[in-house]
Protein backbone atom coordinates (compact mmCIF):
# COMPACT_ATOMS: atom_id res chain seq x y z
CA MET A 1 25.66 28.01 21.33
CA LYS A 2 26.86 26.99 17.90
CA LYS A 3 26.94 29.00 14.94
CA LYS A 4 24.22 28.51 12.59
CA LEU A 5 25.67 27.91 8.77
CA TRP A 6 22.68 31.07 7.50
CA SER A 7 23.67 32.66 10.97
CA GLY A 8 25.24 35.65 8.97
CA ARG A 9 22.18 38.33 8.99
CA PHE A 10 20.85 37.42 12.46
CA SER A 11 22.44 39.99 15.39
CA GLU A 12 21.71 36.93 18.14
CA SER A 13 21.55 33.25 18.84
CA THR A 14 18.42 30.98 18.11
CA ASN A 15 16.42 30.37 20.91
CA LYS A 16 17.12 26.96 22.15
CA LEU A 17 13.05 26.49 21.80
CA VAL A 18 12.98 27.61 18.57
CA ASP A 19 15.91 25.17 17.91
CA ASN A 20 13.84 21.97 19.19
CA PHE A 21 10.87 23.09 17.51
CA THR A 22 12.12 23.94 14.27
CA ALA A 23 14.40 20.68 13.85
CA SER A 24 13.49 18.12 11.61
CA ILE A 25 16.69 16.24 12.27
CA PRO A 26 15.01 13.41 14.98
CA PHE A 27 13.40 12.12 11.87
CA ASP A 28 14.78 13.52 8.14
CA TRP A 29 18.14 11.72 9.21
CA LYS A 30 16.78 8.38 7.55
CA LEU A 31 17.45 10.66 4.36
CA TYR A 32 21.09 10.84 4.52
CA LYS A 33 21.82 8.13 1.59
CA TYR A 34 19.87 10.10 -0.46
CA ASP A 35 20.98 13.79 0.83
CA ILE A 36 24.51 12.68 0.29
CA ALA A 37 24.01 11.19 -2.99
CA GLY A 38 22.09 13.96 -4.17
CA SER A 39 25.22 15.83 -3.02
CA ILE A 40 27.71 13.69 -4.71
CA ALA A 41 26.26 14.39 -7.69
CA HIS A 42 25.71 17.98 -7.57
CA ALA A 43 29.18 17.97 -6.13
CA ARG A 44 30.12 16.13 -9.81
CA MET A 45 27.84 18.29 -11.91
CA LEU A 46 29.55 21.74 -10.14
CA ALA A 47 33.24 19.96 -11.56
CA LYS A 48 31.98 19.27 -15.00
CA THR A 49 30.54 23.09 -15.64
CA GLY A 50 33.59 24.39 -14.20
CA ILE A 51 31.82 26.31 -11.31
CA ILE A 52 34.01 24.65 -9.10
CA LYS A 53 37.86 22.80 -9.71
CA LYS A 54 37.86 18.47 -10.37
CA ALA A 55 40.10 18.45 -7.39
CA GLU A 56 37.54 20.14 -5.22
CA ALA A 57 35.14 18.07 -6.19
CA ASP A 58 36.94 14.93 -5.56
CA LYS A 59 37.29 16.60 -2.26
CA ILE A 60 33.99 16.74 -1.54
CA VAL A 61 32.88 13.59 -2.83
CA ASN A 62 35.24 11.58 -0.56
CA GLY A 63 34.16 13.55 2.22
CA LEU A 64 30.50 12.88 1.91
CA ARG A 65 31.46 9.39 1.82
CA THR A 66 33.28 9.62 4.93
CA VAL A 67 30.48 11.35 6.42
CA GLU A 68 27.90 8.63 4.91
CA LYS A 69 30.43 5.81 6.56
CA GLU A 70 30.14 7.63 10.13
CA ILE A 71 26.05 7.75 9.74
CA GLY A 72 26.10 4.35 8.90
CA PHE A 73 28.16 2.82 11.28
CA GLY A 74 25.93 4.79 14.64
CA LYS A 75 29.36 7.10 15.06
CA PHE A 76 27.60 10.60 13.54
CA LYS A 77 26.69 12.43 16.68
CA PHE A 78 23.03 14.21 15.32
CA SER A 79 22.11 17.45 17.36
CA VAL A 80 18.77 19.63 17.04
CA GLU A 81 20.92 22.61 16.39
CA ASP A 82 22.08 21.24 13.09
CA GLU A 83 18.47 21.45 12.28
CA ASP A 84 17.93 19.06 9.15
CA ILE A 85 20.13 15.95 8.15
CA HIS A 86 21.31 18.52 4.73
CA MET A 87 22.87 21.11 7.49
CA ALA A 88 24.20 18.33 9.64
CA VAL A 89 25.65 16.98 7.22
CA GLU A 90 27.55 19.97 5.58
CA LYS A 91 28.81 21.07 8.98
CA ARG A 92 30.59 17.48 9.30
CA LEU A 93 31.82 17.76 5.93
CA ILE A 94 33.18 21.17 6.65
CA SER A 95 34.70 20.24 9.46
CA LEU A 96 36.39 17.14 7.41
CA ILE A 97 38.00 18.66 4.58
CA GLY A 98 37.92 22.74 5.55
CA ASP A 99 36.55 25.42 3.39
CA THR A 100 36.46 23.35 0.41
CA GLY A 101 32.81 22.16 1.89
CA LYS A 102 31.64 25.39 1.94
CA LYS A 103 31.55 25.53 -2.04
CA LEU A 104 29.22 22.13 -1.92
CA HIS A 105 25.90 24.70 -1.23
CA THR A 106 26.68 26.65 -4.68
CA ALA A 107 24.37 26.90 -6.71
CA LYS A 108 21.65 24.98 -4.66
CA SER A 109 19.29 25.52 -1.88
CA ARG A 110 17.98 23.33 1.30
CA ASN A 111 14.34 23.35 -0.59
CA ASP A 112 15.24 21.80 -3.74
CA GLN A 113 18.13 19.17 -1.37
CA VAL A 114 14.88 17.94 0.41
CA ALA A 115 12.48 18.04 -2.69
CA LEU A 116 15.11 15.85 -4.38
CA ASP A 117 16.06 13.47 -1.05
CA ILE A 118 12.18 12.38 -0.50
CA ARG A 119 11.84 12.23 -4.41
CA LEU A 120 15.11 9.54 -4.19
CA TYR A 121 13.87 8.13 -0.83
CA LEU A 122 10.17 7.21 -2.25
CA ARG A 123 11.41 5.87 -5.60
CA ASP A 124 13.42 3.53 -4.02
CA GLU A 125 10.61 2.66 -1.21
CA ILE A 126 7.92 2.41 -4.13
CA LYS A 127 10.09 -0.86 -5.55
CA ASN A 128 10.36 -2.16 -2.12
CA ILE A 129 6.78 -1.87 -1.55
CA ILE A 130 5.58 -3.64 -5.08
CA SER A 131 8.21 -6.49 -4.36
CA LEU A 132 5.95 -6.80 -1.30
CA ILE A 133 2.84 -6.84 -3.56
CA ASP A 134 4.55 -9.11 -5.71
CA GLU A 135 5.23 -11.58 -2.60
CA PHE A 136 1.62 -11.58 -1.67
CA HIS A 137 0.47 -12.34 -4.66
CA LYS A 138 2.15 -15.18 -5.07
CA THR A 139 1.00 -16.21 -1.77
CA LEU A 140 -2.58 -15.49 -2.77
CA VAL A 141 -2.52 -17.43 -6.20
CA THR A 142 -0.24 -20.77 -4.39
CA LEU A 143 -3.58 -20.67 -1.98
CA ALA A 144 -5.54 -20.41 -4.44
CA LYS A 145 -4.14 -23.97 -6.50
CA LYS A 146 -4.50 -25.75 -3.09
CA ASN A 147 -7.70 -24.96 -2.46
CA ILE A 148 -9.07 -24.89 -6.49
CA ASP A 149 -11.88 -27.12 -5.00
CA VAL A 150 -13.26 -25.58 -1.90
CA ILE A 151 -16.44 -24.05 -2.82
CA MET A 152 -17.95 -21.36 0.19
CA PRO A 153 -20.72 -19.01 0.56
CA GLY A 154 -20.46 -15.32 -1.32
CA TYR A 155 -21.69 -12.77 0.81
CA THR A 156 -23.51 -9.49 0.04
CA HIS A 157 -24.48 -7.08 2.84
CA LEU A 158 -23.38 -10.05 4.89
CA GLN A 159 -25.64 -12.47 4.43
CA GLN A 160 -25.09 -15.37 1.94
CA ALA A 161 -25.96 -14.73 -1.38
CA GLN A 162 -24.36 -17.30 -4.07
CA PRO A 163 -21.72 -20.50 -3.61
CA ILE A 164 -17.90 -18.99 -5.10
CA LEU A 165 -15.16 -21.01 -5.56
CA PHE A 166 -12.54 -19.95 -2.08
CA SER A 167 -10.17 -19.63 -5.24
CA HIS A 168 -12.31 -17.04 -6.97
CA TYR A 169 -12.26 -14.95 -3.52
CA LEU A 170 -8.48 -14.81 -2.86
CA LEU A 171 -7.94 -13.96 -6.82
CA ALA A 172 -10.63 -11.25 -6.34
CA TYR A 173 -7.96 -10.04 -3.63
CA TYR A 174 -4.90 -10.45 -6.09
CA GLU A 175 -7.12 -8.36 -8.58
CA MET A 176 -7.19 -5.32 -5.75
CA PHE A 177 -3.66 -5.30 -5.38
CA LYS A 178 -2.87 -5.47 -8.79
CA ARG A 179 -4.58 -2.08 -8.94
CA ASP A 180 -2.62 -1.05 -5.81
CA LYS A 181 0.55 -1.98 -7.64
CA ASP A 182 -0.46 -0.24 -11.14
CA ARG A 183 -1.21 2.89 -9.21
CA LEU A 184 2.20 2.70 -7.12
CA LEU A 185 3.98 2.46 -10.77
CA ASP A 186 2.09 5.13 -11.77
CA CYS A 187 2.95 6.96 -8.73
CA TYR A 188 6.78 6.31 -9.26
CA LYS A 189 6.41 8.21 -12.57
CA ARG A 190 5.62 11.64 -11.42
CA ALA A 191 8.19 11.04 -8.07
CA ASN A 192 11.18 10.12 -10.74
CA ILE A 193 11.27 14.04 -11.66
CA MET A 194 14.74 15.70 -10.51
CA PRO A 195 13.83 18.70 -8.91
CA LEU A 196 17.89 19.72 -8.01
CA GLY A 197 18.73 23.15 -9.58
CA SER A 198 15.38 24.98 -8.70
CA GLY A 199 17.49 27.16 -6.06
CA ALA A 200 15.42 28.13 -3.21
CA LEU A 201 12.36 29.28 -5.77
CA ALA A 202 14.10 30.94 -8.44
CA GLY A 203 17.07 28.73 -10.40
CA THR A 204 20.38 29.66 -10.07
CA THR A 205 22.80 32.52 -11.94
CA PHE A 206 25.35 29.73 -12.55
CA PRO A 207 25.14 27.75 -15.37
CA ILE A 208 24.18 24.46 -14.16
CA ASP A 209 23.70 21.14 -15.78
CA ARG A 210 20.47 19.79 -14.61
CA GLY A 211 20.19 16.57 -17.14
CA TYR A 212 23.29 15.73 -16.31
CA ILE A 213 22.70 15.36 -12.63
CA ALA A 214 19.33 13.81 -13.52
CA ARG A 215 21.33 10.86 -15.52
CA LEU A 216 23.87 10.18 -12.53
CA LEU A 217 20.92 9.64 -10.44
CA GLY A 218 18.88 7.85 -12.56
CA PHE A 219 15.67 10.53 -13.27
CA ASP A 220 13.88 10.12 -15.88
CA ASP A 221 13.02 14.03 -16.46
CA VAL A 222 13.73 17.72 -14.75
CA THR A 223 11.31 19.49 -13.25
CA LYS A 224 10.12 22.31 -15.68
CA ASN A 225 9.26 25.64 -12.48
CA SER A 226 11.73 26.25 -10.26
CA LEU A 227 8.86 27.45 -8.04
CA ASP A 228 6.37 24.21 -8.20
CA ALA A 229 9.43 22.36 -7.90
CA VAL A 230 10.26 22.98 -4.62
CA SER A 231 6.59 23.34 -3.53
CA ASP A 232 5.59 20.20 -4.89
CA ARG A 233 4.67 17.78 -2.72
CA ASP A 234 1.59 16.10 -4.99
CA PHE A 235 4.06 13.08 -5.36
CA ILE A 236 3.80 12.49 -1.24
CA ILE A 237 -0.04 13.02 -1.53
CA GLU A 238 -0.57 10.82 -4.45
CA PHE A 239 1.67 8.00 -2.70
CA LEU A 240 -0.57 8.27 0.67
CA SER A 241 -3.38 7.80 -1.62
CA ALA A 242 -2.51 4.41 -3.03
CA ALA A 243 -1.05 3.17 0.32
CA SER A 244 -4.72 4.55 1.55
CA ILE A 245 -6.36 2.60 -1.06
CA MET A 246 -3.95 -0.23 -0.59
CA ILE A 247 -4.39 -0.50 3.29
CA MET A 248 -8.42 -0.50 2.51
CA HIS A 249 -8.00 -3.56 1.05
CA LEU A 250 -5.83 -5.13 3.19
CA SER A 251 -8.52 -3.84 6.47
CA ARG A 252 -11.25 -5.81 4.16
CA MET A 253 -9.11 -9.17 4.46
CA SER A 254 -8.73 -8.76 7.68
CA GLU A 255 -12.52 -8.08 8.73
CA GLU A 256 -13.15 -11.78 6.80
CA LEU A 257 -10.25 -13.14 8.22
CA VAL A 258 -11.38 -11.91 11.67
CA ILE A 259 -14.82 -12.65 11.44
CA TRP A 260 -14.61 -16.26 9.63
CA SER A 261 -12.10 -17.36 12.38
CA SER A 262 -14.64 -16.56 14.89
CA SER A 263 -16.59 -19.46 16.46
CA GLU A 264 -19.53 -18.46 15.30
CA PHE A 265 -18.02 -19.30 11.57
CA GLY A 266 -14.91 -21.14 12.17
CA PHE A 267 -14.20 -21.49 8.24
CA ILE A 268 -10.66 -20.64 9.25
CA GLU A 269 -7.66 -21.11 11.58
CA LEU A 270 -5.37 -18.51 11.60
CA PRO A 271 -1.61 -20.05 12.23
CA ASP A 272 -0.45 -19.91 15.97
CA ALA A 273 2.38 -17.98 15.55
CA PHE A 274 0.64 -15.40 14.35
CA CYS A 275 -2.02 -15.02 16.80
CA THR A 276 -2.31 -14.22 20.45
CA GLY A 277 -4.08 -15.25 24.16
CA SER A 278 -6.01 -13.88 26.59
CA SER A 279 -4.35 -12.96 30.18
CA MET A 280 -7.34 -14.06 31.80
CA MET A 281 -9.44 -16.02 29.52
CA PRO A 282 -7.52 -19.48 28.97
CA GLN A 283 -9.42 -20.72 25.76
CA LYS A 284 -8.99 -17.48 23.89
CA LYS A 285 -6.93 -17.01 20.17
CA ASN A 286 -6.93 -13.71 19.45
CA PRO A 287 -6.68 -12.67 15.90
CA ASP A 288 -4.08 -9.71 16.90
CA VAL A 289 -2.77 -9.13 13.32
CA PRO A 290 -5.27 -9.02 10.69
CA GLU A 291 -7.08 -6.45 13.83
CA LEU A 292 -3.59 -4.20 14.01
CA VAL A 293 -3.75 -4.28 10.36
CA ARG A 294 -7.24 -3.02 10.33
CA GLY A 295 -6.62 -0.39 13.20
CA LYS A 296 -4.05 1.17 11.25
CA THR A 297 -5.91 1.45 8.13
CA GLY A 298 -7.33 4.73 10.11
CA ARG A 299 -3.26 5.87 10.83
CA ILE A 300 -2.68 6.13 7.04
CA TYR A 301 -5.84 7.18 6.25
CA GLY A 302 -4.81 10.20 8.64
CA HIS A 303 -1.45 10.49 7.07
CA LEU A 304 -2.71 11.43 3.88
CA PHE A 305 -5.55 13.83 5.46
CA SER A 306 -2.93 15.60 7.59
CA LEU A 307 -0.84 16.53 4.62
CA LEU A 308 -3.66 17.89 2.49
CA VAL A 309 -4.52 20.12 5.37
CA THR A 310 -1.51 20.72 5.10
CA MET A 311 -0.75 21.74 1.74
CA LYS A 312 -4.43 23.22 1.12
CA GLY A 313 -3.90 26.95 1.81
CA LEU A 314 -0.07 27.62 0.99
CA PRO A 315 1.39 30.28 -1.46
CA LEU A 316 4.14 29.60 -3.49
CA ALA A 317 6.96 28.55 -3.24
CA TYR A 318 8.36 26.89 0.15
CA ASN A 319 7.42 27.51 3.27
CA LYS A 320 7.90 25.78 6.14
CA ASP A 321 4.70 24.18 6.86
CA MET A 322 6.24 21.57 4.85
CA GLN A 323 8.49 19.88 6.66
CA GLU A 324 5.82 18.29 8.16
CA ASP A 325 5.59 15.76 5.12
CA LYS A 326 8.22 13.47 6.14
CA GLU A 327 6.61 12.15 9.12
CA PRO A 328 3.54 10.89 7.43
CA LEU A 329 5.24 9.74 4.68
CA PHE A 330 8.11 7.63 6.49
CA ASP A 331 5.49 6.05 8.85
CA THR A 332 3.27 5.59 6.16
CA VAL A 333 5.84 3.72 4.34
CA ASP A 334 7.54 1.22 6.89
CA THR A 335 3.15 0.82 7.99
CA ILE A 336 2.46 -0.94 4.60
CA LYS A 337 5.78 -2.72 4.30
CA ALA A 338 5.10 -4.15 7.84
CA SER A 339 1.49 -5.07 7.12
CA LEU A 340 1.83 -6.45 3.48
CA GLU A 341 5.01 -8.97 5.20
CA ILE A 342 3.48 -10.15 8.62
CA PHE A 343 -0.28 -10.23 5.96
CA SER A 344 1.58 -12.28 3.26
CA GLU A 345 3.33 -14.98 6.04
CA MET A 346 0.18 -14.94 7.95
CA ILE A 347 -2.02 -16.55 4.64
CA LYS A 348 0.55 -19.04 3.97
CA GLY A 349 -0.37 -20.91 6.95
CA LEU A 350 -4.19 -20.52 6.83
CA LYS A 351 -5.86 -23.57 7.52
CA LEU A 352 -9.62 -24.34 6.10
CA ASP A 353 -12.62 -26.53 8.03
CA LYS A 354 -13.85 -27.24 4.64
CA LYS A 355 -16.78 -29.76 6.55
CA ARG A 356 -17.70 -26.04 8.44
CA ILE A 357 -17.75 -24.41 5.44
CA GLU A 358 -20.13 -26.82 3.96
CA SER A 359 -22.34 -27.07 6.95
CA SER A 360 -22.93 -23.69 6.28
CA MET A 361 -24.70 -24.01 2.99
CA ALA A 362 -26.53 -26.60 4.10
CA ASP A 363 -30.11 -25.32 3.57
CA GLY A 364 -29.29 -25.19 0.06
CA LEU A 365 -31.24 -21.83 -0.23
CA ILE A 366 -27.90 -20.47 -1.48
CA LEU A 367 -28.60 -21.67 -4.85
CA ALA A 368 -32.17 -19.61 -4.62
CA THR A 369 -30.83 -17.74 -7.85
CA ASP A 370 -29.60 -20.99 -9.79
CA VAL A 371 -33.74 -21.89 -8.81
CA ALA A 372 -34.94 -19.14 -10.78
CA ASP A 373 -32.36 -18.97 -13.59
CA TYR A 374 -33.54 -22.97 -14.01
CA LEU A 375 -37.48 -21.41 -14.44
CA VAL A 376 -36.15 -18.41 -16.97
CA GLN A 377 -34.55 -21.17 -18.99
CA LYS A 378 -38.05 -22.88 -19.24
CA GLY A 379 -39.61 -19.93 -20.18
CA VAL A 380 -40.63 -18.32 -17.26
CA PRO A 381 -40.03 -14.63 -16.97
CA PHE A 382 -36.84 -13.68 -14.37
CA ARG A 383 -39.61 -11.03 -12.24
CA SER A 384 -42.19 -14.17 -12.32
CA SER A 385 -39.49 -16.66 -11.76
CA HIS A 386 -37.79 -14.92 -8.96
CA GLU A 387 -41.21 -14.43 -6.94
CA ILE A 388 -41.97 -18.20 -7.23
CA VAL A 389 -38.58 -19.07 -6.06
CA GLY A 390 -39.09 -16.21 -3.02
CA ARG A 391 -41.90 -18.53 -1.95
CA ILE A 392 -40.49 -21.92 -2.51
CA VAL A 393 -37.45 -20.68 -0.15
CA GLY A 394 -40.53 -19.20 2.91
CA TYR A 395 -41.48 -22.79 2.26
CA CYS A 396 -38.18 -24.15 3.14
CA LEU A 397 -38.10 -21.98 6.04
CA LYS A 398 -41.30 -22.85 7.21
CA GLU A 399 -40.68 -26.76 6.85
CA LYS A 400 -37.28 -26.37 7.92
CA LYS A 401 -36.30 -28.22 4.58
CA ALA A 402 -33.42 -27.86 2.75
CA LEU A 403 -33.98 -26.50 -0.93
CA THR A 404 -32.13 -29.46 -2.13
CA SER A 405 -34.25 -32.13 -0.52
CA LEU A 406 -37.37 -31.13 -1.71
CA THR A 407 -39.14 -33.55 -3.99
CA LEU A 408 -40.61 -33.14 -7.45
CA SER A 409 -44.26 -32.81 -6.15
CA GLU A 410 -42.98 -30.11 -3.94
CA TRP A 411 -41.03 -28.15 -6.63
CA LYS A 412 -44.69 -28.54 -8.97
CA ARG A 413 -46.64 -27.12 -6.07
CA PHE A 414 -45.15 -24.17 -7.25
CA SER A 415 -44.57 -24.70 -10.59
CA PRO A 416 -45.44 -26.80 -13.57
CA ASP A 417 -42.37 -25.69 -15.18
CA PHE A 418 -40.26 -27.46 -12.94
CA LYS A 419 -39.48 -30.61 -14.27
CA GLU A 420 -37.37 -34.60 -13.14
CA ASP A 421 -34.18 -32.22 -14.12
CA ILE A 422 -34.43 -29.64 -11.14
CA LEU A 423 -33.44 -32.83 -8.83
CA ASN A 424 -29.61 -32.66 -10.14
CA PHE A 425 -29.94 -29.08 -11.20
CA ALA A 426 -30.18 -27.26 -7.45
CA SER A 427 -26.13 -28.67 -6.48
CA LEU A 428 -23.32 -26.24 -5.14
CA GLU A 429 -20.71 -27.64 -7.96
CA LYS A 430 -23.14 -27.47 -10.91
CA ALA A 431 -24.02 -23.86 -9.51
CA VAL A 432 -20.16 -22.95 -9.17
CA GLU A 433 -19.90 -24.48 -12.90
CA ARG A 434 -22.54 -22.82 -14.56
CA ARG A 435 -20.70 -19.50 -14.13
CA ASN A 436 -18.19 -20.19 -16.64
CA HIS A 437 -17.60 -17.18 -18.41
CA ILE A 438 -14.48 -14.49 -18.17
CA GLY A 439 -14.30 -13.15 -14.58
CA GLY A 440 -16.72 -15.89 -13.45
CA THR A 441 -16.42 -18.38 -10.55
CA ALA A 442 -16.27 -21.33 -12.58
CA LYS A 443 -13.13 -23.75 -11.94
CA ILE A 444 -12.16 -23.69 -15.31
CA GLN A 445 -12.15 -19.89 -15.25
CA VAL A 446 -10.35 -19.50 -12.32
CA LEU A 447 -7.59 -22.34 -13.29
CA LYS A 448 -7.39 -20.10 -16.48
CA ARG A 449 -7.19 -17.28 -14.70
CA ILE A 450 -4.09 -18.56 -12.29
CA ARG A 451 -2.28 -19.55 -15.45
CA GLU A 452 -2.23 -16.32 -17.14
CA ILE A 453 -1.18 -14.70 -13.97
CA LEU A 454 1.98 -17.19 -14.11
């Protein structure tokens, strides 16, 4: 068995079972670019402060770049005996440049190195996810503009409530994902703090320049407490929390797409390229993409909870338990990115069945609130008007009549305050346009919001 870089204190080799159980290299290898970038910055700092010679730093940097190319081209052979990406890179560096490579680890620990790597990784991935949110936003706004005149039922309790513009519905999700973006931007601020230089837990005795490393790597600031720096995973938990809220938003929309594409609703048709068939039933067109997004929501929730549970009982500073932070983080990032990307593409091909949507509101009962408001405008107290309209709805259901088909004499049967203007008052278009205020569903307000967004 190969000798460990830390084996000086030990009298026997690590059991193979321990190697396999404790190694993180099977998954943290994907941090290699960030690990090498941090090590290059560290080497340059060591030279700047005179801890090592400039020629030694140059040799280390060139060696690290060779290692990076080997990994990038798939020529690097990882082994569980390397334990993690940091040890794997360092061992290869030493094999390339000799004893000079052993100087790289001066004034740093794997503890602050891994904290650095994850922050660098998460910074990039937050930017990538924000770009995908921006693309999804464009898709939503484009679809909203294209269908600006489509009126649909708005729901509460999954029961028809009041008419709204389909565009208003889409922009509701715009607002949700805008908040998601804001949360990620805020999370980025706390991820963008540089921990390197904290050592294993107490800092280092060498005259390091942490600010210099931070500038080289584009960090806004450096951590202020070495104990906290190496044991902090709040920024990952915060990201997982933001991701959980985001996937919840996607899941809510997925639920609606699944329901609306069913035969019973038939409001929409998802593009064939984003659906699957049945191996048994030839007529089936299954909405697998939104169903899977809905299903992956629990997976991301689980990642958040798993890290919360991992961290809840850990004493300061670093503990091996914290190695369990990476797989939940990596999988969450991959899942969120894949979900946003496929959702955006799927929505672009969404087709509306406008006649089916309109027919779903044919009984006119969705206008009941507007009729109650009509009576209020005539001086009837709202609670009284609510009761009156409730009786009218009961009458329509009993007689199988549409609310919009009632004659003036039928209206007056329930209240003398109904005048001839009620006959033109109760319509879907007018009901939508009457909600002409900031945040309302009136066309003028929706178009105004679209202009603000663009």
